[in-house]
Amino acid sequence: MAAHDPIARRLAEYTPASPEEEQGALKEILQEVALLGLSNAGFFEEAAFHGGTSLRIVHDLPRFSEDLDFALHAPNPEFAWAPYAKALDTTFAAFGIRPEFKDRHRAGKAVQSMWLKDNSLGTLLDLSFVHLPGKKLRIKLEVDTRPPMGAMTMRRFVNFPVEYPVEVWDLPSNFAGKLHANLCRAHVKGRDWFDFNWYLRLGVAPNLTLLSRAIDQQGPWVGQGIEATMDWLKDALVRKIESIDWTSAAADVEPFLKGAELDALAHWEAELFLQNTERLQS
């Protein structure tokens, strides 16, 4: 069996109906192979997977995601991606994929990034759609080296391209991280609010301890020592929701959705999110 056969079968499972869906599927395949490489290298002994891609891969969040986000278990300003690049390269090579790695280490920065760029995957597969000549798939790996404390983690297994373990934030902690983005991100990102609705449909209660540490570390409440209660959170969300252009927010998340989730964007307005805020529970 050729090394890329599992990759081809995985792509076929997505049944992409557009170039955008095919590109999303290819990126997700690269993300899962990258996670295997990190698992093989022992990365999850010092970091946990969180954010939108973790929700997509581990919890079936119904949208594509672009980046791989991680947080160290404990602060470590000396963290570097370089020791993991060789393990990633070895893992990708086993499946016939030869991506480029670009370490974006910046001294003194809390979030350290590495880019994975690939144009070899398309030559291995029978793609349904023609992409721009020379177009590369790009995935960013980011790790927070000074994360807010209070996240709860759990060990989960991913089953592609083989079975392997990853350490992930639990859903309440992920929700707290998302609420921090909802409230504190400088620009409006529709994906944040799509995820907000998804958490509420699942009935997830946020980790308020983690949220309190996060808002104290970054954003408009930095250094104020606020303990985020449910009343405080709802008041802050109402103010944020009333300030958002929901047409623009829907346009941001549209490329990452399909089917019924895409159709539901027609109903995005402030009242929807205000009513959903009332469903928050501790």
C-alpha atoms as a PDB file:
ATOM      1  CA  MET A   1       0.000   0.000   0.000  1.00  0.00           C
ATOM      2  CA  ALA A   2       1.392   3.406  -0.980  1.00  0.00           C
ATOM      3  CA  ALA A   3       2.162   5.755   1.892  1.00  0.00           C
ATOM      4  CA  HIS A   4      -0.399   8.265   0.674  1.00  0.00           C
ATOM      5  CA  ASP A   5      -3.306   5.786   0.377  1.00  0.00           C
ATOM      6  CA  PRO A   6      -4.684   6.619   3.866  1.00  0.00           C
ATOM      7  CA  ILE A   7      -4.535  10.299   2.910  1.00  0.00           C
ATOM      8  CA  ALA A   8      -6.524   9.667  -0.279  1.00  0.00           C
ATOM      9  CA  ARG A   9      -9.145   7.670   1.592  1.00  0.00           C
ATOM     10  CA  ARG A  10      -9.418  10.417   4.190  1.00  0.00           C
ATOM     11  CA  LEU A  11     -10.007  13.067   1.524  1.00  0.00           C
ATOM     12  CA  ALA A  12     -12.699  10.898  -0.100  1.00  0.00           C
ATOM     13  CA  GLU A  13     -14.582  10.806   3.229  1.00  0.00           C
ATOM     14  CA  TYR A  14     -15.132  14.565   3.044  1.00  0.00           C
ATOM     15  CA  THR A  15     -16.872  14.466  -0.373  1.00  0.00           C
ATOM     16  CA  PRO A  16     -15.968  18.141  -0.981  1.00  0.00           C
ATOM     17  CA  ALA A  17     -18.467  19.997  -3.155  1.00  0.00           C
ATOM     18  CA  SER A  18     -16.359  23.097  -3.892  1.00  0.00           C
ATOM     19  CA  PRO A  19     -12.720  24.186  -4.118  1.00  0.00           C
ATOM     20  CA  GLU A  20     -13.098  25.832  -0.705  1.00  0.00           C
ATOM     21  CA  GLU A  21     -14.359  22.615   0.904  1.00  0.00           C
ATOM     22  CA  GLU A  22     -11.581  20.615  -0.724  1.00  0.00           C
ATOM     23  CA  GLN A  23      -8.965  23.057   0.537  1.00  0.00           C
ATOM     24  CA  GLY A  24     -10.467  22.897   4.041  1.00  0.00           C
ATOM     25  CA  ALA A  25     -10.297  19.097   3.938  1.00  0.00           C
ATOM     26  CA  LEU A  26      -6.672  19.110   2.753  1.00  0.00           C
ATOM     27  CA  LYS A  27      -5.705  21.518   5.534  1.00  0.00           C
ATOM     28  CA  GLU A  28      -7.414  19.329   8.094  1.00  0.00           C
ATOM     29  CA  ILE A  29      -5.535  16.278   6.825  1.00  0.00           C
ATOM     30  CA  LEU A  30      -2.251  18.159   7.255  1.00  0.00           C
ATOM     31  CA  GLN A  31      -3.309  19.258  10.732  1.00  0.00           C
ATOM     32  CA  GLU A  32      -3.987  15.687  11.839  1.00  0.00           C
ATOM     33  CA  VAL A  33      -0.670  14.417  10.475  1.00  0.00           C
ATOM     34  CA  ALA A  34       1.068  17.289  12.280  1.00  0.00           C
ATOM     35  CA  LEU A  35      -0.643  16.294  15.536  1.00  0.00           C
ATOM     36  CA  LEU A  36       0.624  12.735  15.065  1.00  0.00           C
ATOM     37  CA  GLY A  37       4.160  14.068  14.658  1.00  0.00           C
ATOM     38  CA  LEU A  38       3.863  16.198  17.781  1.00  0.00           C
ATOM     39  CA  SER A  39       2.434  13.251  19.744  1.00  0.00           C
ATOM     40  CA  ASN A  40       5.304  11.030  18.606  1.00  0.00           C
ATOM     41  CA  ALA A  41       7.782  13.697  19.751  1.00  0.00           C
ATOM     42  CA  GLY A  42       6.335  13.942  23.275  1.00  0.00           C
ATOM     43  CA  PHE A  43       5.031  17.463  22.736  1.00  0.00           C
ATOM     44  CA  PHE A  44       1.874  16.838  24.767  1.00  0.00           C
ATOM     45  CA  GLU A  45       3.926  16.199  27.889  1.00  0.00           C
ATOM     46  CA  GLU A  46       4.467  19.965  28.035  1.00  0.00           C
ATOM     47  CA  ALA A  47       1.497  21.413  26.146  1.00  0.00           C
ATOM     48  CA  ALA A  48      -2.224  20.949  25.511  1.00  0.00           C
ATOM     49  CA  PHE A  49      -4.239  21.370  22.322  1.00  0.00           C
ATOM     50  CA  HIS A  50      -7.052  23.937  22.447  1.00  0.00           C
ATOM     51  CA  GLY A  51      -9.037  26.288  20.213  1.00  0.00           C
ATOM     52  CA  GLY A  52     -11.179  25.806  17.126  1.00  0.00           C
ATOM     53  CA  THR A  53      -9.142  23.077  15.441  1.00  0.00           C
ATOM     54  CA  SER A  54      -9.090  20.990  18.619  1.00  0.00           C
ATOM     55  CA  LEU A  55     -12.871  21.285  18.773  1.00  0.00           C
ATOM     56  CA  ARG A  56     -13.170  20.282  15.112  1.00  0.00           C
ATOM     57  CA  ILE A  57     -10.902  17.238  15.413  1.00  0.00           C
ATOM     58  CA  VAL A  58     -11.737  16.037  18.934  1.00  0.00           C
ATOM     59  CA  HIS A  59     -15.329  17.249  19.447  1.00  0.00           C
ATOM     60  CA  ASP A  60     -16.740  17.461  15.874  1.00  0.00           C
ATOM     61  CA  LEU A  61     -17.219  21.234  15.750  1.00  0.00           C
ATOM     62  CA  PRO A  62     -19.102  21.714  12.429  1.00  0.00           C
ATOM     63  CA  ARG A  63     -16.711  24.179  10.816  1.00  0.00           C
ATOM     64  CA  PHE A  64     -13.239  24.101   9.325  1.00  0.00           C
ATOM     65  CA  SER A  65     -10.408  25.802  11.183  1.00  0.00           C
ATOM     66  CA  GLU A  66      -7.061  27.135  10.000  1.00  0.00           C
ATOM     67  CA  ASP A  67      -4.537  27.002  12.834  1.00  0.00           C
ATOM     68  CA  LEU A  68      -3.260  24.617  15.482  1.00  0.00           C
ATOM     69  CA  ASP A  69      -3.309  26.322  18.887  1.00  0.00           C
ATOM     70  CA  PHE A  70      -1.591  25.036  22.016  1.00  0.00           C
ATOM     71  CA  ALA A  71      -0.888  26.222  25.547  1.00  0.00           C
ATOM     72  CA  LEU A  72       1.954  25.061  27.761  1.00  0.00           C
ATOM     73  CA  HIS A  73       0.990  23.315  30.982  1.00  0.00           C
ATOM     74  CA  ALA A  74       3.243  25.766  32.849  1.00  0.00           C
ATOM     75  CA  PRO A  75       4.898  29.025  31.727  1.00  0.00           C
ATOM     76  CA  ASN A  76       8.212  28.560  29.929  1.00  0.00           C
ATOM     77  CA  PRO A  77       9.668  31.589  28.123  1.00  0.00           C
ATOM     78  CA  GLU A  78      12.467  29.368  26.743  1.00  0.00           C
ATOM     79  CA  PHE A  79      10.111  27.203  24.676  1.00  0.00           C
ATOM     80  CA  ALA A  80      11.117  26.787  21.013  1.00  0.00           C
ATOM     81  CA  TRP A  81       9.520  24.922  18.108  1.00  0.00           C
ATOM     82  CA  ALA A  82      12.862  23.896  16.570  1.00  0.00           C
ATOM     83  CA  PRO A  83      13.252  20.581  18.491  1.00  0.00           C
ATOM     84  CA  TYR A  84       9.886  19.399  17.135  1.00  0.00           C
ATOM     85  CA  ALA A  85      10.461  20.257  13.463  1.00  0.00           C
ATOM     86  CA  LYS A  86      12.534  17.112  12.795  1.00  0.00           C
ATOM     87  CA  ALA A  87       9.855  14.826  14.256  1.00  0.00           C
ATOM     88  CA  LEU A  88       7.202  16.566  12.173  1.00  0.00           C
ATOM     89  CA  ASP A  89       9.291  16.195   9.009  1.00  0.00           C
ATOM     90  CA  THR A  90       9.830  12.469   9.697  1.00  0.00           C
ATOM     91  CA  THR A  91       6.129  11.870  10.275  1.00  0.00           C
ATOM     92  CA  PHE A  92       5.039  13.706   7.125  1.00  0.00           C
ATOM     93  CA  ALA A  93       7.669  11.912   5.042  1.00  0.00           C
ATOM     94  CA  ALA A  94       6.213   8.554   6.094  1.00  0.00           C
ATOM     95  CA  PHE A  95       3.030   9.556   4.235  1.00  0.00           C
ATOM     96  CA  GLY A  96       4.820  10.935   1.185  1.00  0.00           C
ATOM     97  CA  ILE A  97       4.336  14.584   2.192  1.00  0.00           C
ATOM     98  CA  ARG A  98       7.258  17.021   2.251  1.00  0.00           C
ATOM     99  CA  PRO A  99       6.159  20.342   3.731  1.00  0.00           C
ATOM    100  CA  GLU A 100       8.315  23.356   4.529  1.00  0.00           C
ATOM    101  CA  PHE A 101       8.656  24.568   8.115  1.00  0.00           C
ATOM    102  CA  LYS A 102       9.191  28.221   8.972  1.00  0.00           C
ATOM    103  CA  ASP A 103      10.002  28.934  12.618  1.00  0.00           C
ATOM    104  CA  ARG A 104       8.740  32.400  13.587  1.00  0.00           C
ATOM    105  CA  HIS A 105      10.427  32.488  16.996  1.00  0.00           C
ATOM    106  CA  ARG A 106      10.387  35.992  18.446  1.00  0.00           C
ATOM    107  CA  ALA A 107      12.332  36.577  21.632  1.00  0.00           C
ATOM    108  CA  GLY A 108      10.228  37.875  24.498  1.00  0.00           C
ATOM    109  CA  LYS A 109       6.875  37.068  22.869  1.00  0.00           C
ATOM    110  CA  ALA A 110       4.379  34.976  24.809  1.00  0.00           C
ATOM    111  CA  VAL A 111       2.983  33.265  21.685  1.00  0.00           C
ATOM    112  CA  GLN A 112       5.535  31.422  19.552  1.00  0.00           C
ATOM    113  CA  SER A 113       4.570  30.472  15.990  1.00  0.00           C
ATOM    114  CA  MET A 114       5.694  28.077  13.303  1.00  0.00           C
ATOM    115  CA  TRP A 115       4.296  27.876   9.780  1.00  0.00           C
ATOM    116  CA  LEU A 116       3.817  24.640   7.878  1.00  0.00           C
ATOM    117  CA  LYS A 117       3.574  25.139   4.110  1.00  0.00           C
ATOM    118  CA  ASP A 118       2.871  22.365   1.619  1.00  0.00           C
ATOM    119  CA  ASN A 119       2.315  21.992  -2.108  1.00  0.00           C
ATOM    120  CA  SER A 120       3.198  18.294  -2.289  1.00  0.00           C
ATOM    121  CA  LEU A 121      -0.117  16.904  -1.063  1.00  0.00           C
ATOM    122  CA  GLY A 122      -1.976  17.802  -4.248  1.00  0.00           C
ATOM    123  CA  THR A 123       0.448  15.789  -6.385  1.00  0.00           C
ATOM    124  CA  LEU A 124      -0.340  12.654  -4.351  1.00  0.00           C
ATOM    125  CA  LEU A 125      -4.106  12.837  -4.630  1.00  0.00           C
ATOM    126  CA  ASP A 126      -6.808  12.802  -7.292  1.00  0.00           C
ATOM    127  CA  LEU A 127      -8.295  16.206  -6.520  1.00  0.00           C
ATOM    128  CA  SER A 128     -11.780  17.126  -7.704  1.00  0.00           C
ATOM    129  CA  PHE A 129     -11.057  20.814  -8.173  1.00  0.00           C
ATOM    130  CA  VAL A 130      -8.292  22.747  -9.861  1.00  0.00           C
ATOM    131  CA  HIS A 131      -6.404  25.102  -7.568  1.00  0.00           C
ATOM    132  CA  LEU A 132      -4.352  28.121  -8.523  1.00  0.00           C
ATOM    133  CA  PRO A 133      -0.975  27.010  -9.943  1.00  0.00           C
ATOM    134  CA  GLY A 134       1.672  26.839  -7.243  1.00  0.00           C
ATOM    135  CA  LYS A 135      -0.765  27.572  -4.434  1.00  0.00           C
ATOM    136  CA  LYS A 136       0.470  26.266  -1.096  1.00  0.00           C
ATOM    137  CA  LEU A 137      -1.542  25.058   1.836  1.00  0.00           C
ATOM    138  CA  ARG A 138      -0.538  26.984   4.941  1.00  0.00           C
ATOM    139  CA  ILE A 139      -1.075  25.992   8.562  1.00  0.00           C
ATOM    140  CA  LYS A 140       0.113  27.976  11.542  1.00  0.00           C
ATOM    141  CA  LEU A 141       1.128  26.279  14.782  1.00  0.00           C
ATOM    142  CA  GLU A 142       1.016  28.589  17.804  1.00  0.00           C
ATOM    143  CA  VAL A 143       1.832  27.888  21.438  1.00  0.00           C
ATOM    144  CA  ASP A 144       1.152  30.205  24.361  1.00  0.00           C
ATOM    145  CA  THR A 145       4.278  30.074  26.512  1.00  0.00           C
ATOM    146  CA  ARG A 146       2.732  32.205  29.282  1.00  0.00           C
ATOM    147  CA  PRO A 147      -0.848  30.895  29.394  1.00  0.00           C
ATOM    148  CA  PRO A 148      -3.372  31.928  32.046  1.00  0.00           C
ATOM    149  CA  MET A 149      -3.577  29.296  34.738  1.00  0.00           C
ATOM    150  CA  GLY A 150      -6.717  27.323  35.563  1.00  0.00           C
ATOM    151  CA  ALA A 151      -7.307  25.193  32.457  1.00  0.00           C
ATOM    152  CA  MET A 152      -8.368  21.585  32.976  1.00  0.00           C
ATOM    153  CA  THR A 153      -7.023  19.022  30.526  1.00  0.00           C
ATOM    154  CA  MET A 154      -7.858  15.500  29.437  1.00  0.00           C
ATOM    155  CA  ARG A 155      -6.245  12.826  27.271  1.00  0.00           C
ATOM    156  CA  ARG A 156      -8.051  11.964  24.042  1.00  0.00           C
ATOM    157  CA  PHE A 157      -7.183   9.705  21.106  1.00  0.00           C
ATOM    158  CA  VAL A 158      -7.284  10.831  17.473  1.00  0.00           C
ATOM    159  CA  ASN A 159      -7.732   8.009  14.950  1.00  0.00           C
ATOM    160  CA  PHE A 160      -6.191   9.493  11.800  1.00  0.00           C
ATOM    161  CA  PRO A 161      -3.819   8.743  10.181  1.00  0.00           C
ATOM    162  CA  VAL A 162      -3.338   6.146  12.956  1.00  0.00           C
ATOM    163  CA  GLU A 163      -4.463   6.122  16.603  1.00  0.00           C
ATOM    164  CA  TYR A 164      -2.443   8.446  18.838  1.00  0.00           C
ATOM    165  CA  PRO A 165      -3.020  10.400  22.079  1.00  0.00           C
ATOM    166  CA  VAL A 166      -3.230  14.168  22.492  1.00  0.00           C
ATOM    167  CA  GLU A 167      -3.685  16.272  25.607  1.00  0.00           C
ATOM    168  CA  VAL A 168      -6.522  18.776  25.195  1.00  0.00           C
ATOM    169  CA  TRP A 169      -8.280  21.415  27.235  1.00  0.00           C
ATOM    170  CA  ASP A 170     -11.705  20.193  28.375  1.00  0.00           C
ATOM    171  CA  LEU A 171     -14.812  21.868  26.950  1.00  0.00           C
ATOM    172  CA  PRO A 172     -15.396  24.283  29.890  1.00  0.00           C
ATOM    173  CA  SER A 173     -11.795  25.504  29.591  1.00  0.00           C
ATOM    174  CA  ASN A 174     -12.057  25.829  25.814  1.00  0.00           C
ATOM    175  CA  PHE A 175     -15.272  27.798  26.287  1.00  0.00           C
ATOM    176  CA  ALA A 176     -13.502  30.135  28.705  1.00  0.00           C
ATOM    177  CA  GLY A 177     -10.772  30.710  26.138  1.00  0.00           C
ATOM    178  CA  LYS A 178     -13.395  31.451  23.493  1.00  0.00           C
ATOM    179  CA  LEU A 179     -15.255  33.869  25.772  1.00  0.00           C
ATOM    180  CA  HIS A 180     -11.984  35.694  26.346  1.00  0.00           C
ATOM    181  CA  ALA A 181     -11.689  36.070  22.560  1.00  0.00           C
ATOM    182  CA  ASN A 182     -15.367  37.122  22.254  1.00  0.00           C
ATOM    183  CA  LEU A 183     -14.824  39.901  24.782  1.00  0.00           C
ATOM    184  CA  CYS A 184     -11.222  40.950  24.226  1.00  0.00           C
ATOM    185  CA  ARG A 185     -10.252  40.407  20.585  1.00  0.00           C
ATOM    186  CA  ALA A 186      -9.508  43.776  18.997  1.00  0.00           C
ATOM    187  CA  HIS A 187     -11.417  42.907  15.809  1.00  0.00           C
ATOM    188  CA  VAL A 188     -14.665  40.988  15.356  1.00  0.00           C
ATOM    189  CA  LYS A 189     -14.171  37.397  14.222  1.00  0.00           C
ATOM    190  CA  GLY A 190     -17.356  35.624  13.202  1.00  0.00           C
ATOM    191  CA  ARG A 191     -15.811  32.237  13.994  1.00  0.00           C
ATOM    192  CA  ASP A 192     -15.678  33.256  17.675  1.00  0.00           C
ATOM    193  CA  TRP A 193     -19.417  33.810  17.719  1.00  0.00           C
ATOM    194  CA  PHE A 194     -20.242  30.666  15.744  1.00  0.00           C
ATOM    195  CA  ASP A 195     -18.348  28.715  18.409  1.00  0.00           C
ATOM    196  CA  PHE A 196     -20.166  30.646  21.152  1.00  0.00           C
ATOM    197  CA  ASN A 197     -23.516  29.400  19.825  1.00  0.00           C
ATOM    198  CA  TRP A 198     -22.136  25.855  19.473  1.00  0.00           C
ATOM    199  CA  TYR A 199     -21.050  25.724  23.117  1.00  0.00           C
ATOM    200  CA  LEU A 200     -24.484  26.883  24.205  1.00  0.00           C
ATOM    201  CA  ARG A 201     -26.226  24.227  22.113  1.00  0.00           C
ATOM    202  CA  LEU A 202     -24.125  21.640  23.970  1.00  0.00           C
ATOM    203  CA  GLY A 203     -24.979  23.169  27.353  1.00  0.00           C
ATOM    204  CA  VAL A 204     -21.303  23.730  28.277  1.00  0.00           C
ATOM    205  CA  ALA A 205     -20.656  25.843  31.380  1.00  0.00           C
ATOM    206  CA  PRO A 206     -17.476  27.944  31.083  1.00  0.00           C
ATOM    207  CA  ASN A 207     -14.475  27.582  33.380  1.00  0.00           C
ATOM    208  CA  LEU A 208     -14.853  30.950  35.100  1.00  0.00           C
ATOM    209  CA  THR A 209     -11.581  30.589  36.996  1.00  0.00           C
ATOM    210  CA  LEU A 210      -9.667  30.345  33.720  1.00  0.00           C
ATOM    211  CA  LEU A 211     -11.681  33.218  32.222  1.00  0.00           C
ATOM    212  CA  SER A 212     -10.848  35.400  35.241  1.00  0.00           C
ATOM    213  CA  ARG A 213      -7.115  34.726  34.835  1.00  0.00           C
ATOM    214  CA  ALA A 214      -7.303  35.343  31.086  1.00  0.00           C
ATOM    215  CA  ILE A 215      -9.051  38.735  31.289  1.00  0.00           C
ATOM    216  CA  ASP A 216      -6.582  39.789  33.982  1.00  0.00           C
ATOM    217  CA  GLN A 217      -3.685  38.936  31.671  1.00  0.00           C
ATOM    218  CA  GLN A 218      -4.870  40.419  28.373  1.00  0.00           C
ATOM    219  CA  GLY A 219      -7.601  42.778  27.195  1.00  0.00           C
ATOM    220  CA  PRO A 220      -9.473  45.837  28.512  1.00  0.00           C
ATOM    221  CA  TRP A 221      -9.626  44.467  32.094  1.00  0.00           C
ATOM    222  CA  VAL A 222      -5.914  43.620  32.367  1.00  0.00           C
ATOM    223  CA  GLY A 223      -4.503  43.881  35.876  1.00  0.00           C
ATOM    224  CA  GLN A 224      -7.844  44.730  37.507  1.00  0.00           C
ATOM    225  CA  GLY A 225      -8.169  41.451  39.392  1.00  0.00           C
ATOM    226  CA  ILE A 226     -11.769  40.890  38.277  1.00  0.00           C
ATOM    227  CA  GLU A 227     -13.290  37.553  39.236  1.00  0.00           C
ATOM    228  CA  ALA A 228     -15.635  36.723  36.387  1.00  0.00           C
ATOM    229  CA  THR A 229     -19.024  35.782  37.817  1.00  0.00           C
ATOM    230  CA  MET A 230     -21.915  34.738  35.594  1.00  0.00           C
ATOM    231  CA  ASP A 231     -23.620  38.125  36.111  1.00  0.00           C
ATOM    232  CA  TRP A 232     -20.422  39.974  35.176  1.00  0.00           C
ATOM    233  CA  LEU A 233     -19.978  37.799  32.096  1.00  0.00           C
ATOM    234  CA  LYS A 234     -23.519  38.292  30.835  1.00  0.00           C
ATOM    235  CA  ASP A 235     -23.294  42.079  31.272  1.00  0.00           C
ATOM    236  CA  ALA A 236     -19.978  42.195  29.382  1.00  0.00           C
ATOM    237  CA  LEU A 237     -21.359  40.027  26.560  1.00  0.00           C
ATOM    238  CA  VAL A 238     -24.466  42.190  26.157  1.00  0.00           C
ATOM    239  CA  ARG A 239     -22.324  45.296  25.714  1.00  0.00           C
ATOM    240  CA  LYS A 240     -20.122  43.518  23.180  1.00  0.00           C
ATOM    241  CA  ILE A 241     -23.006  42.003  21.207  1.00  0.00           C
ATOM    242  CA  GLU A 242     -24.753  45.355  20.849  1.00  0.00           C
ATOM    243  CA  SER A 243     -21.595  46.860  19.309  1.00  0.00           C
ATOM    244  CA  ILE A 244     -21.089  44.275  16.529  1.00  0.00           C
ATOM    245  CA  ASP A 245     -21.914  44.501  12.819  1.00  0.00           C
ATOM    246  CA  TRP A 246     -23.459  41.054  12.453  1.00  0.00           C
ATOM    247  CA  THR A 247     -23.469  41.085   8.646  1.00  0.00           C
ATOM    248  CA  SER A 248     -19.681  41.432   8.664  1.00  0.00           C
ATOM    249  CA  ALA A 249     -19.353  38.804  11.384  1.00  0.00           C
ATOM    250  CA  ALA A 250     -21.369  36.321   9.325  1.00  0.00           C
ATOM    251  CA  ALA A 251     -19.238  37.032   6.253  1.00  0.00           C
ATOM    252  CA  ASP A 252     -16.101  36.143   8.219  1.00  0.00           C
ATOM    253  CA  VAL A 253     -17.264  32.649   9.156  1.00  0.00           C
ATOM    254  CA  GLU A 254     -19.096  31.841   5.897  1.00  0.00           C
ATOM    255  CA  PRO A 255     -16.082  30.237   4.099  1.00  0.00           C
ATOM    256  CA  PHE A 256     -15.696  27.724   6.946  1.00  0.00           C
ATOM    257  CA  LEU A 257     -19.257  26.365   6.891  1.00  0.00           C
ATOM    258  CA  LYS A 258     -21.518  24.281   4.697  1.00  0.00           C
ATOM    259  CA  GLY A 259     -25.060  22.914   4.683  1.00  0.00           C
ATOM    260  CA  ALA A 260     -27.488  23.905   7.418  1.00  0.00           C
ATOM    261  CA  GLU A 261     -24.804  25.725   9.408  1.00  0.00           C
ATOM    262  CA  LEU A 262     -24.165  27.967   6.417  1.00  0.00           C
ATOM    263  CA  ASP A 263     -27.875  28.615   5.863  1.00  0.00           C
ATOM    264  CA  ALA A 264     -28.304  29.656   9.506  1.00  0.00           C
ATOM    265  CA  LEU A 265     -26.035  32.667   8.984  1.00  0.00           C
ATOM    266  CA  ALA A 266     -29.047  34.421   7.430  1.00  0.00           C
ATOM    267  CA  HIS A 267     -30.436  34.756  10.968  1.00  0.00           C
ATOM    268  CA  TRP A 268     -27.401  36.360  12.563  1.00  0.00           C
ATOM    269  CA  GLU A 269     -28.438  39.524  14.370  1.00  0.00           C
ATOM    270  CA  ALA A 270     -27.923  41.019  17.816  1.00  0.00           C
ATOM    271  CA  GLU A 271     -31.167  39.607  19.208  1.00  0.00           C
ATOM    272  CA  LEU A 272     -30.097  36.028  18.477  1.00  0.00           C
ATOM    273  CA  PHE A 273     -26.905  36.409  20.474  1.00  0.00           C
ATOM    274  CA  LEU A 274     -28.582  38.361  23.273  1.00  0.00           C
ATOM    275  CA  GLN A 275     -31.101  35.554  23.710  1.00  0.00           C
ATOM    276  CA  ASN A 276     -28.339  32.963  23.620  1.00  0.00           C
ATOM    277  CA  THR A 277     -26.428  34.869  26.308  1.00  0.00           C
ATOM    278  CA  GLU A 278     -29.369  34.304  28.648  1.00  0.00           C
ATOM    279  CA  ARG A 279     -28.836  30.555  28.240  1.00  0.00           C
ATOM    280  CA  LEU A 280     -25.393  30.725  29.845  1.00  0.00           C
ATOM    281  CA  GLN A 281     -25.148  28.638  32.982  1.00  0.00           C
ATOM    282  CA  SER A 282     -22.502  28.061  35.618  1.00  0.00           C
END
